[in-house]
Amino acid sequence: MIKITVEDNNYPEQLRKIENPPKQLYLEGNTKLLDTPGIAIIGSRTCTKYGEKFAKKFAKKLSIYGLTIISGMAIGIDSFAHIGCIEGTGKTIAVLPSGLNKIYPQENEKLLKTILENGGLIITEYEENEEANSKKFLERNRIVSGLAIGTLVVEGGYRSGTSVTANLAKSQGKKVFCIPSSLENKKGITPNKLIKEGAFLVTEVEDIINQYPEINFKRQGFEQIEKKDESVENEYKEVYNALKYEKELHINEIAKIVNLSINEVSYKLMMLELQDKIVSLPGNNYRKVEK
């Protein structure tokens, strides 16, 4: 375990700039990650399969661009962000609401070991035997957003801790990005609300990357990951197979081909677009994306 204070030269500059920066940090793992640009990925503990999928996907692809993935190692979106980053052979930082000897949640002890084994970093502002509590969760969140150059919101319910962290990011002068969600998804309330309030709506990783022209991103290994992501899930195959590469089809025509309602087709088209399988064109027209 390493301890650094806010007066030390190796204290992270991004964190030093926030209101009420932690006076000390306790670290375990790859401390060089403190000098790398990172994106915080946050969301609901009780996330949906949709949230799980896109937390992993965005974490994986962002890490391939050379960004460090930062999250709070909670159950749900946090965990899937860390896991997705590791799957992309990237580096991740987990910020704890407890001391290093009182890992919270306990069921993520294996994940913590995996993060360290893969060159990641564990951070906390609490002494090694301090236990987590609700106040520490909120304090932890300012570090998650403070370490990052921007925050990606995947899912979050009404008045959730996710919305608090997103607002902290905004108050810290950081960009906030949101993955849009179905209006029927209770866990989509926070990202959809933040988009209405001016957060960046993102459907692909490049929507985030393009907001930081000052950073020289790497794309090493990106093509290999793209190839792995080419398969289409069974749930969306019928709609996907109805589309063409060279010709656009209107949503009404697609619905007739697959014999599904417009609402169901619209949802599946949105999912395929979020997976970069198809592209939407003016007038509710769609076509497949050339790989």
C-alpha atoms as a PDB file:
ATOM      1  CA  MET A   1       0.000   0.000   0.000  1.00  0.00           C
ATOM      2  CA  ILE A   2       1.209   3.486  -0.907  1.00  0.00           C
ATOM      3  CA  LYS A   3      -0.011   6.719   0.694  1.00  0.00           C
ATOM      4  CA  ILE A   4       0.158  10.094  -1.012  1.00  0.00           C
ATOM      5  CA  THR A   5      -1.137  13.460   0.195  1.00  0.00           C
ATOM      6  CA  VAL A   6      -2.560  16.413  -1.670  1.00  0.00           C
ATOM      7  CA  GLU A   7       0.781  18.225  -1.169  1.00  0.00           C
ATOM      8  CA  ASP A   8       2.797  15.503  -2.929  1.00  0.00           C
ATOM      9  CA  ASN A   9       4.042  15.992  -6.494  1.00  0.00           C
ATOM     10  CA  ASN A  10       2.590  12.643  -7.610  1.00  0.00           C
ATOM     11  CA  TYR A  11      -0.924  13.547  -6.438  1.00  0.00           C
ATOM     12  CA  PRO A  12      -3.216  13.419  -9.541  1.00  0.00           C
ATOM     13  CA  GLU A  13      -3.706  16.889 -11.033  1.00  0.00           C
ATOM     14  CA  GLN A  14      -7.275  16.191 -12.201  1.00  0.00           C
ATOM     15  CA  LEU A  15      -8.230  15.439  -8.606  1.00  0.00           C
ATOM     16  CA  ARG A  16      -6.313  18.350  -7.114  1.00  0.00           C
ATOM     17  CA  LYS A  17      -8.508  20.774  -9.104  1.00  0.00           C
ATOM     18  CA  ILE A  18     -11.882  19.658  -7.680  1.00  0.00           C
ATOM     19  CA  GLU A  19     -13.689  21.204  -4.743  1.00  0.00           C
ATOM     20  CA  ASN A  20     -12.707  19.460  -1.515  1.00  0.00           C
ATOM     21  CA  PRO A  21     -10.058  17.085  -2.935  1.00  0.00           C
ATOM     22  CA  PRO A  22      -9.187  14.176  -0.621  1.00  0.00           C
ATOM     23  CA  LYS A  23      -6.337  15.114   1.685  1.00  0.00           C
ATOM     24  CA  GLN A  24      -4.727  11.700   1.218  1.00  0.00           C
ATOM     25  CA  LEU A  25      -5.028   8.683  -1.034  1.00  0.00           C
ATOM     26  CA  TYR A  26      -4.159   5.072  -0.287  1.00  0.00           C
ATOM     27  CA  LEU A  27      -3.113   3.162  -3.394  1.00  0.00           C
ATOM     28  CA  GLU A  28      -2.514  -0.425  -4.397  1.00  0.00           C
ATOM     29  CA  GLY A  29      -1.407  -1.406  -7.877  1.00  0.00           C
ATOM     30  CA  ASN A  30      -0.228   0.498 -10.939  1.00  0.00           C
ATOM     31  CA  THR A  31       0.200   4.111  -9.767  1.00  0.00           C
ATOM     32  CA  LYS A  32       1.307   5.184 -13.272  1.00  0.00           C
ATOM     33  CA  LEU A  33      -2.380   5.194 -14.203  1.00  0.00           C
ATOM     34  CA  LEU A  34      -2.747   8.429 -12.226  1.00  0.00           C
ATOM     35  CA  ASP A  35      -0.946  10.170 -15.105  1.00  0.00           C
ATOM     36  CA  THR A  36      -3.178   8.783 -17.853  1.00  0.00           C
ATOM     37  CA  PRO A  37      -6.410  10.276 -19.260  1.00  0.00           C
ATOM     38  CA  GLY A  38      -9.446   8.388 -17.998  1.00  0.00           C
ATOM     39  CA  ILE A  39     -13.187   8.153 -18.514  1.00  0.00           C
ATOM     40  CA  ALA A  40     -15.471   7.403 -15.572  1.00  0.00           C
ATOM     41  CA  ILE A  41     -18.253   4.922 -16.321  1.00  0.00           C
ATOM     42  CA  ILE A  42     -21.142   4.974 -13.868  1.00  0.00           C
ATOM     43  CA  GLY A  43     -24.630   3.529 -13.536  1.00  0.00           C
ATOM     44  CA  SER A  44     -27.158   1.550 -11.579  1.00  0.00           C
ATOM     45  CA  ARG A  45     -26.274  -1.284  -9.219  1.00  0.00           C
ATOM     46  CA  THR A  46     -29.459  -3.070 -10.335  1.00  0.00           C
ATOM     47  CA  CYS A  47     -28.828  -2.598 -14.029  1.00  0.00           C
ATOM     48  CA  THR A  48     -30.562  -4.269 -16.955  1.00  0.00           C
ATOM     49  CA  LYS A  49     -28.994  -6.596 -19.517  1.00  0.00           C
ATOM     50  CA  TYR A  50     -28.966  -3.584 -21.851  1.00  0.00           C
ATOM     51  CA  GLY A  51     -26.884  -1.647 -19.330  1.00  0.00           C
ATOM     52  CA  GLU A  52     -24.528  -4.551 -18.740  1.00  0.00           C
ATOM     53  CA  LYS A  53     -23.935  -4.986 -22.463  1.00  0.00           C
ATOM     54  CA  PHE A  54     -23.127  -1.366 -23.225  1.00  0.00           C
ATOM     55  CA  ALA A  55     -21.083  -0.782 -20.069  1.00  0.00           C
ATOM     56  CA  LYS A  56     -18.823  -3.631 -21.189  1.00  0.00           C
ATOM     57  CA  LYS A  57     -18.780  -2.579 -24.833  1.00  0.00           C
ATOM     58  CA  PHE A  58     -17.932   1.079 -24.217  1.00  0.00           C
ATOM     59  CA  ALA A  59     -15.364   0.238 -21.522  1.00  0.00           C
ATOM     60  CA  LYS A  60     -13.656  -2.237 -23.838  1.00  0.00           C
ATOM     61  CA  LYS A  61     -13.471   0.108 -26.827  1.00  0.00           C
ATOM     62  CA  LEU A  62     -12.517   3.192 -24.798  1.00  0.00           C
ATOM     63  CA  SER A  63      -9.668   1.226 -23.228  1.00  0.00           C
ATOM     64  CA  ILE A  64      -8.441   0.204 -26.682  1.00  0.00           C
ATOM     65  CA  TYR A  65      -8.124   3.892 -27.497  1.00  0.00           C
ATOM     66  CA  GLY A  66      -5.763   4.143 -24.533  1.00  0.00           C
ATOM     67  CA  LEU A  67      -8.184   5.610 -22.002  1.00  0.00           C
ATOM     68  CA  THR A  68      -8.123   4.373 -18.429  1.00  0.00           C
ATOM     69  CA  ILE A  69     -11.572   3.286 -17.208  1.00  0.00           C
ATOM     70  CA  ILE A  70     -12.514   4.632 -13.782  1.00  0.00           C
ATOM     71  CA  SER A  71     -15.409   3.389 -11.669  1.00  0.00           C
ATOM     72  CA  GLY A  72     -16.471   2.562  -8.123  1.00  0.00           C
ATOM     73  CA  MET A  73     -16.346  -1.263  -8.169  1.00  0.00           C
ATOM     74  CA  ALA A  74     -19.966  -1.483  -7.018  1.00  0.00           C
ATOM     75  CA  ILE A  75     -22.232  -4.303  -8.150  1.00  0.00           C
ATOM     76  CA  GLY A  76     -23.853  -3.562 -11.509  1.00  0.00           C
ATOM     77  CA  ILE A  77     -22.585  -1.052 -14.077  1.00  0.00           C
ATOM     78  CA  ASP A  78     -19.371  -0.311 -12.142  1.00  0.00           C
ATOM     79  CA  SER A  79     -18.356  -3.965 -12.155  1.00  0.00           C
ATOM     80  CA  PHE A  80     -19.224  -4.440 -15.812  1.00  0.00           C
ATOM     81  CA  ALA A  81     -17.176  -1.361 -16.732  1.00  0.00           C
ATOM     82  CA  HIS A  82     -14.125  -2.784 -14.974  1.00  0.00           C
ATOM     83  CA  ILE A  83     -14.701  -6.201 -16.571  1.00  0.00           C
ATOM     84  CA  GLY A  84     -15.179  -4.776 -20.066  1.00  0.00           C
ATOM     85  CA  CYS A  85     -11.965  -2.799 -19.750  1.00  0.00           C
ATOM     86  CA  ILE A  86     -10.013  -5.891 -18.723  1.00  0.00           C
ATOM     87  CA  GLU A  87     -11.548  -7.860 -21.612  1.00  0.00           C
ATOM     88  CA  GLY A  88     -10.175  -5.173 -23.923  1.00  0.00           C
ATOM     89  CA  THR A  89      -6.746  -5.604 -22.295  1.00  0.00           C
ATOM     90  CA  GLY A  90      -7.023  -2.071 -20.939  1.00  0.00           C
ATOM     91  CA  LYS A  91      -6.251  -0.604 -17.534  1.00  0.00           C
ATOM     92  CA  THR A  92      -8.827   0.338 -14.944  1.00  0.00           C
ATOM     93  CA  ILE A  93      -8.978   2.267 -11.664  1.00  0.00           C
ATOM     94  CA  ALA A  94     -11.413   1.213  -8.919  1.00  0.00           C
ATOM     95  CA  VAL A  95     -12.273   3.800  -6.261  1.00  0.00           C
ATOM     96  CA  LEU A  96     -13.427   2.286  -2.955  1.00  0.00           C
ATOM     97  CA  PRO A  97     -15.845   3.706  -0.344  1.00  0.00           C
ATOM     98  CA  SER A  98     -13.842   1.887   2.348  1.00  0.00           C
ATOM     99  CA  GLY A  99     -10.319   1.012   3.451  1.00  0.00           C
ATOM    100  CA  LEU A 100      -8.176  -1.452   1.527  1.00  0.00           C
ATOM    101  CA  ASN A 101      -8.641  -4.098   4.227  1.00  0.00           C
ATOM    102  CA  LYS A 102     -12.462  -3.720   4.219  1.00  0.00           C
ATOM    103  CA  ILE A 103     -13.326  -4.295   0.578  1.00  0.00           C
ATOM    104  CA  TYR A 104     -16.864  -3.263  -0.328  1.00  0.00           C
ATOM    105  CA  PRO A 105     -18.804  -5.054  -1.629  1.00  0.00           C
ATOM    106  CA  GLN A 106     -17.231  -8.278  -0.362  1.00  0.00           C
ATOM    107  CA  GLU A 107     -18.466 -10.239  -3.374  1.00  0.00           C
ATOM    108  CA  ASN A 108     -16.170  -8.133  -5.552  1.00  0.00           C
ATOM    109  CA  GLU A 109     -12.964  -9.238  -3.828  1.00  0.00           C
ATOM    110  CA  LYS A 110     -12.260 -11.526  -6.786  1.00  0.00           C
ATOM    111  CA  LEU A 111     -12.787  -8.611  -9.189  1.00  0.00           C
ATOM    112  CA  LEU A 112     -10.370  -6.485  -7.161  1.00  0.00           C
ATOM    113  CA  LYS A 113      -7.689  -9.188  -7.483  1.00  0.00           C
ATOM    114  CA  THR A 114      -8.362  -9.430 -11.226  1.00  0.00           C
ATOM    115  CA  ILE A 115      -7.971  -5.665 -11.610  1.00  0.00           C
ATOM    116  CA  LEU A 116      -4.605  -5.749  -9.853  1.00  0.00           C
ATOM    117  CA  GLU A 117      -3.433  -8.820 -11.779  1.00  0.00           C
ATOM    118  CA  ASN A 118      -4.162  -6.967 -15.026  1.00  0.00           C
ATOM    119  CA  GLY A 119      -2.161  -3.856 -14.186  1.00  0.00           C
ATOM    120  CA  GLY A 120      -4.984  -1.838 -12.642  1.00  0.00           C
ATOM    121  CA  LEU A 121      -5.123   0.408  -9.596  1.00  0.00           C
ATOM    122  CA  ILE A 122      -7.225   0.492  -6.405  1.00  0.00           C
ATOM    123  CA  ILE A 123      -7.734   3.877  -4.718  1.00  0.00           C
ATOM    124  CA  THR A 124      -9.360   5.022  -1.497  1.00  0.00           C
ATOM    125  CA  GLU A 125      -9.125   8.058   0.756  1.00  0.00           C
ATOM    126  CA  TYR A 126      -9.885   5.965   3.846  1.00  0.00           C
ATOM    127  CA  GLU A 127      -7.497   4.250   6.218  1.00  0.00           C
ATOM    128  CA  GLU A 128      -7.117   0.522   5.693  1.00  0.00           C
ATOM    129  CA  ASN A 129      -9.643  -0.721   8.285  1.00  0.00           C
ATOM    130  CA  GLU A 130     -12.457   1.806   7.689  1.00  0.00           C
ATOM    131  CA  GLU A 131     -15.776   0.274   6.628  1.00  0.00           C
ATOM    132  CA  ALA A 132     -18.118   1.616   3.951  1.00  0.00           C
ATOM    133  CA  ASN A 133     -21.255   3.630   4.766  1.00  0.00           C
ATOM    134  CA  SER A 134     -23.723   5.800   2.839  1.00  0.00           C
ATOM    135  CA  LYS A 135     -21.734   9.008   3.445  1.00  0.00           C
ATOM    136  CA  LYS A 136     -18.582   7.395   2.072  1.00  0.00           C
ATOM    137  CA  PHE A 137     -20.405   6.357  -1.122  1.00  0.00           C
ATOM    138  CA  LEU A 138     -21.092  10.014  -1.907  1.00  0.00           C
ATOM    139  CA  GLU A 139     -17.555  11.012  -0.983  1.00  0.00           C
ATOM    140  CA  ARG A 140     -16.188   8.230  -3.206  1.00  0.00           C
ATOM    141  CA  ASN A 141     -18.223   9.501  -6.162  1.00  0.00           C
ATOM    142  CA  ARG A 142     -16.470  12.880  -6.277  1.00  0.00           C
ATOM    143  CA  ILE A 143     -13.165  11.013  -6.695  1.00  0.00           C
ATOM    144  CA  VAL A 144     -14.534   8.822  -9.505  1.00  0.00           C
ATOM    145  CA  SER A 145     -15.623  11.862 -11.529  1.00  0.00           C
ATOM    146  CA  GLY A 146     -12.695  13.981 -10.346  1.00  0.00           C
ATOM    147  CA  LEU A 147     -10.021  11.609 -11.635  1.00  0.00           C
ATOM    148  CA  ALA A 148     -11.620  11.483 -15.097  1.00  0.00           C
ATOM    149  CA  ILE A 149     -11.629  13.871 -18.049  1.00  0.00           C
ATOM    150  CA  GLY A 150     -15.280  12.941 -18.636  1.00  0.00           C
ATOM    151  CA  THR A 151     -18.047  10.730 -17.284  1.00  0.00           C
ATOM    152  CA  LEU A 152     -20.194   8.219 -19.196  1.00  0.00           C
ATOM    153  CA  VAL A 153     -23.615   7.474 -17.706  1.00  0.00           C
ATOM    154  CA  VAL A 154     -24.981   4.087 -18.764  1.00  0.00           C
ATOM    155  CA  GLU A 155     -28.095   3.666 -16.602  1.00  0.00           C
ATOM    156  CA  GLY A 156     -29.556   5.192 -13.477  1.00  0.00           C
ATOM    157  CA  GLY A 157     -32.929   5.421 -11.776  1.00  0.00           C
ATOM    158  CA  TYR A 158     -34.810   8.436 -10.449  1.00  0.00           C
ATOM    159  CA  ARG A 159     -32.790  10.436  -7.885  1.00  0.00           C
ATOM    160  CA  SER A 160     -30.046   7.836  -7.968  1.00  0.00           C
ATOM    161  CA  GLY A 161     -26.434   7.998  -6.864  1.00  0.00           C
ATOM    162  CA  THR A 162     -25.621   7.968 -10.578  1.00  0.00           C
ATOM    163  CA  SER A 163     -27.355  11.330 -11.057  1.00  0.00           C
ATOM    164  CA  VAL A 164     -25.411  12.736  -8.091  1.00  0.00           C
ATOM    165  CA  THR A 165     -22.103  11.655  -9.635  1.00  0.00           C
ATOM    166  CA  ALA A 166     -23.084  13.072 -13.025  1.00  0.00           C
ATOM    167  CA  ASN A 167     -23.911  16.413 -11.402  1.00  0.00           C
ATOM    168  CA  LEU A 168     -20.593  16.316  -9.556  1.00  0.00           C
ATOM    169  CA  ALA A 169     -18.848  15.820 -12.899  1.00  0.00           C
ATOM    170  CA  LYS A 170     -20.684  18.834 -14.342  1.00  0.00           C
ATOM    171  CA  SER A 171     -19.772  20.977 -11.332  1.00  0.00           C
ATOM    172  CA  GLN A 172     -16.140  19.926 -11.813  1.00  0.00           C
ATOM    173  CA  GLY A 173     -16.250  21.224 -15.392  1.00  0.00           C
ATOM    174  CA  LYS A 174     -16.112  17.736 -16.932  1.00  0.00           C
ATOM    175  CA  LYS A 175     -18.064  16.559 -19.985  1.00  0.00           C
ATOM    176  CA  VAL A 176     -20.956  14.186 -19.282  1.00  0.00           C
ATOM    177  CA  PHE A 177     -21.912  11.536 -21.858  1.00  0.00           C
ATOM    178  CA  CYS A 178     -25.044   9.400 -21.788  1.00  0.00           C
ATOM    179  CA  ILE A 179     -26.190   6.255 -23.563  1.00  0.00           C
ATOM    180  CA  PRO A 180     -29.881   6.771 -24.401  1.00  0.00           C
ATOM    181  CA  SER A 181     -32.414   4.314 -23.102  1.00  0.00           C
ATOM    182  CA  SER A 182     -35.979   3.183 -23.734  1.00  0.00           C
ATOM    183  CA  LEU A 183     -38.673   5.309 -22.112  1.00  0.00           C
ATOM    184  CA  GLU A 184     -40.016   2.064 -20.630  1.00  0.00           C
ATOM    185  CA  ASN A 185     -36.734   1.383 -18.832  1.00  0.00           C
ATOM    186  CA  LYS A 186     -36.857   2.732 -15.266  1.00  0.00           C
ATOM    187  CA  LYS A 187     -33.062   2.591 -15.217  1.00  0.00           C
ATOM    188  CA  GLY A 188     -33.017   4.903 -18.243  1.00  0.00           C
ATOM    189  CA  ILE A 189     -34.509   7.863 -16.375  1.00  0.00           C
ATOM    190  CA  THR A 190     -31.188   9.450 -15.374  1.00  0.00           C
ATOM    191  CA  PRO A 191     -29.337   9.249 -18.728  1.00  0.00           C
ATOM    192  CA  ASN A 192     -32.394  10.435 -20.678  1.00  0.00           C
ATOM    193  CA  LYS A 193     -32.939  13.335 -18.259  1.00  0.00           C
ATOM    194  CA  LEU A 194     -29.282  14.340 -18.443  1.00  0.00           C
ATOM    195  CA  ILE A 195     -29.456  14.345 -22.252  1.00  0.00           C
ATOM    196  CA  LYS A 196     -32.453  16.723 -22.063  1.00  0.00           C
ATOM    197  CA  GLU A 197     -30.364  18.960 -19.797  1.00  0.00           C
ATOM    198  CA  GLY A 198     -27.465  19.140 -22.268  1.00  0.00           C
ATOM    199  CA  ALA A 199     -25.322  16.052 -21.729  1.00  0.00           C
ATOM    200  CA  PHE A 200     -23.811  14.463 -24.837  1.00  0.00           C
ATOM    201  CA  LEU A 201     -25.934  11.675 -26.334  1.00  0.00           C
ATOM    202  CA  VAL A 202     -23.577   8.910 -27.475  1.00  0.00           C
ATOM    203  CA  THR A 203     -24.259   5.832 -29.578  1.00  0.00           C
ATOM    204  CA  GLU A 204     -20.650   4.907 -30.319  1.00  0.00           C
ATOM    205  CA  VAL A 205     -17.280   5.327 -28.647  1.00  0.00           C
ATOM    206  CA  GLU A 206     -16.104   7.824 -31.254  1.00  0.00           C
ATOM    207  CA  ASP A 207     -18.771  10.255 -30.021  1.00  0.00           C
ATOM    208  CA  ILE A 208     -16.657  10.505 -26.865  1.00  0.00           C
ATOM    209  CA  ILE A 209     -13.249  10.368 -28.521  1.00  0.00           C
ATOM    210  CA  ASN A 210     -14.128  13.234 -30.872  1.00  0.00           C
ATOM    211  CA  GLN A 211     -14.776  15.537 -27.916  1.00  0.00           C
ATOM    212  CA  TYR A 212     -11.067  15.446 -26.998  1.00  0.00           C
ATOM    213  CA  PRO A 213      -9.123  16.528 -30.121  1.00  0.00           C
ATOM    214  CA  GLU A 214      -6.228  17.609 -27.907  1.00  0.00           C
ATOM    215  CA  ILE A 215      -5.488  13.979 -26.948  1.00  0.00           C
ATOM    216  CA  ASN A 216      -3.475  11.753 -29.263  1.00  0.00           C
ATOM    217  CA  PHE A 217      -5.456   8.541 -28.923  1.00  0.00           C
ATOM    218  CA  LYS A 218      -4.078   5.172 -29.970  1.00  0.00           C
ATOM    219  CA  ARG A 219      -6.202   2.573 -31.724  1.00  0.00           C
ATOM    220  CA  GLN A 220      -3.901  -0.397 -31.403  1.00  0.00           C
ATOM    221  CA  GLY A 221      -5.846  -3.632 -31.530  1.00  0.00           C
ATOM    222  CA  PHE A 222      -9.129  -1.886 -32.350  1.00  0.00           C
ATOM    223  CA  GLU A 223      -9.708  -3.808 -35.573  1.00  0.00           C
ATOM    224  CA  GLN A 224      -9.415  -7.157 -33.803  1.00  0.00           C
ATOM    225  CA  ILE A 225     -12.072  -6.185 -31.288  1.00  0.00           C
ATOM    226  CA  GLU A 226     -14.357  -4.999 -34.082  1.00  0.00           C
ATOM    227  CA  LYS A 227     -14.136  -8.423 -35.678  1.00  0.00           C
ATOM    228  CA  LYS A 228     -15.113 -10.091 -32.424  1.00  0.00           C
ATOM    229  CA  ASP A 229     -18.205  -7.840 -32.211  1.00  0.00           C
ATOM    230  CA  GLU A 230     -19.506  -8.652 -35.684  1.00  0.00           C
ATOM    231  CA  SER A 231     -21.985 -11.345 -34.659  1.00  0.00           C
ATOM    232  CA  VAL A 232     -25.615 -10.345 -34.192  1.00  0.00           C
ATOM    233  CA  GLU A 233     -27.653 -11.632 -31.258  1.00  0.00           C
ATOM    234  CA  ASN A 234     -30.560 -13.946 -32.085  1.00  0.00           C
ATOM    235  CA  GLU A 235     -33.071 -11.434 -30.711  1.00  0.00           C
ATOM    236  CA  TYR A 236     -32.155  -8.930 -33.456  1.00  0.00           C
ATOM    237  CA  LYS A 237     -31.161 -11.248 -36.323  1.00  0.00           C
ATOM    238  CA  GLU A 238     -34.534 -11.230 -38.051  1.00  0.00           C
ATOM    239  CA  VAL A 239     -34.575  -7.439 -38.348  1.00  0.00           C
ATOM    240  CA  TYR A 240     -30.876  -7.297 -39.199  1.00  0.00           C
ATOM    241  CA  ASN A 241     -31.227  -9.888 -41.979  1.00  0.00           C
ATOM    242  CA  ALA A 242     -34.089  -7.919 -43.524  1.00  0.00           C
ATOM    243  CA  LEU A 243     -31.744  -4.976 -44.148  1.00  0.00           C
ATOM    244  CA  LYS A 244     -29.358  -4.479 -47.071  1.00  0.00           C
ATOM    245  CA  TYR A 245     -25.855  -3.005 -47.348  1.00  0.00           C
ATOM    246  CA  GLU A 246     -26.437  -1.263 -50.663  1.00  0.00           C
ATOM    247  CA  LYS A 247     -30.105  -0.245 -50.295  1.00  0.00           C
ATOM    248  CA  GLU A 248     -31.927   1.620 -47.557  1.00  0.00           C
ATOM    249  CA  LEU A 249     -35.279   0.389 -46.266  1.00  0.00           C
ATOM    250  CA  HIS A 250     -38.047   2.340 -44.553  1.00  0.00           C
ATOM    251  CA  ILE A 251     -39.119   1.180 -41.094  1.00  0.00           C
ATOM    252  CA  ASN A 252     -42.629   0.352 -42.398  1.00  0.00           C
ATOM    253  CA  GLU A 253     -41.152  -1.908 -45.061  1.00  0.00           C
ATOM    254  CA  ILE A 254     -38.947  -3.639 -42.485  1.00  0.00           C
ATOM    255  CA  ALA A 255     -41.966  -4.217 -40.230  1.00  0.00           C
ATOM    256  CA  LYS A 256     -43.846  -5.857 -43.111  1.00  0.00           C
ATOM    257  CA  ILE A 257     -40.902  -8.129 -43.964  1.00  0.00           C
ATOM    258  CA  VAL A 258     -40.469  -9.417 -40.395  1.00  0.00           C
ATOM    259  CA  ASN A 259     -44.177  -9.225 -39.489  1.00  0.00           C
ATOM    260  CA  LEU A 260     -43.607  -7.285 -36.272  1.00  0.00           C
ATOM    261  CA  SER A 261     -45.112  -4.096 -34.836  1.00  0.00           C
ATOM    262  CA  ILE A 262     -43.489  -0.740 -35.584  1.00  0.00           C
ATOM    263  CA  ASN A 263     -42.670  -0.306 -31.881  1.00  0.00           C
ATOM    264  CA  GLU A 264     -40.878  -3.653 -31.691  1.00  0.00           C
ATOM    265  CA  VAL A 265     -38.991  -3.043 -34.934  1.00  0.00           C
ATOM    266  CA  SER A 266     -38.051   0.461 -33.778  1.00  0.00           C
ATOM    267  CA  TYR A 267     -36.568  -0.914 -30.546  1.00  0.00           C
ATOM    268  CA  LYS A 268     -34.562  -3.581 -32.368  1.00  0.00           C
ATOM    269  CA  LEU A 269     -33.296  -1.051 -34.910  1.00  0.00           C
ATOM    270  CA  MET A 270     -32.155   1.189 -32.049  1.00  0.00           C
ATOM    271  CA  MET A 271     -30.288  -1.706 -30.454  1.00  0.00           C
ATOM    272  CA  LEU A 272     -28.619  -2.637 -33.750  1.00  0.00           C
ATOM    273  CA  GLU A 273     -27.598   0.976 -34.296  1.00  0.00           C
ATOM    274  CA  LEU A 274     -26.096   1.173 -30.815  1.00  0.00           C
ATOM    275  CA  GLN A 275     -24.087  -1.945 -31.684  1.00  0.00           C
ATOM    276  CA  ASP A 276     -22.804  -0.260 -34.884  1.00  0.00           C
ATOM    277  CA  LYS A 277     -24.479  -2.939 -37.038  1.00  0.00           C
ATOM    278  CA  ILE A 278     -26.733  -0.543 -38.949  1.00  0.00           C
ATOM    279  CA  VAL A 279     -27.014   3.157 -39.696  1.00  0.00           C
ATOM    280  CA  SER A 280     -30.170   5.288 -39.546  1.00  0.00           C
ATOM    281  CA  LEU A 281     -30.825   7.641 -42.448  1.00  0.00           C
ATOM    282  CA  PRO A 282     -33.245  10.574 -42.859  1.00  0.00           C
ATOM    283  CA  GLY A 283     -36.918   9.670 -43.106  1.00  0.00           C
ATOM    284  CA  ASN A 284     -36.814   6.553 -40.875  1.00  0.00           C
ATOM    285  CA  ASN A 285     -34.688   4.646 -43.368  1.00  0.00           C
ATOM    286  CA  TYR A 286     -31.992   2.127 -42.428  1.00  0.00           C
ATOM    287  CA  ARG A 287     -29.243   0.025 -43.956  1.00  0.00           C
ATOM    288  CA  LYS A 288     -26.469  -2.293 -42.776  1.00  0.00           C
ATOM    289  CA  VAL A 289     -23.021  -0.918 -41.996  1.00  0.00           C
ATOM    290  CA  GLU A 290     -20.136  -2.116 -44.144  1.00  0.00           C
ATOM    291  CA  LYS A 291     -17.376  -3.670 -42.015  1.00  0.00           C
END
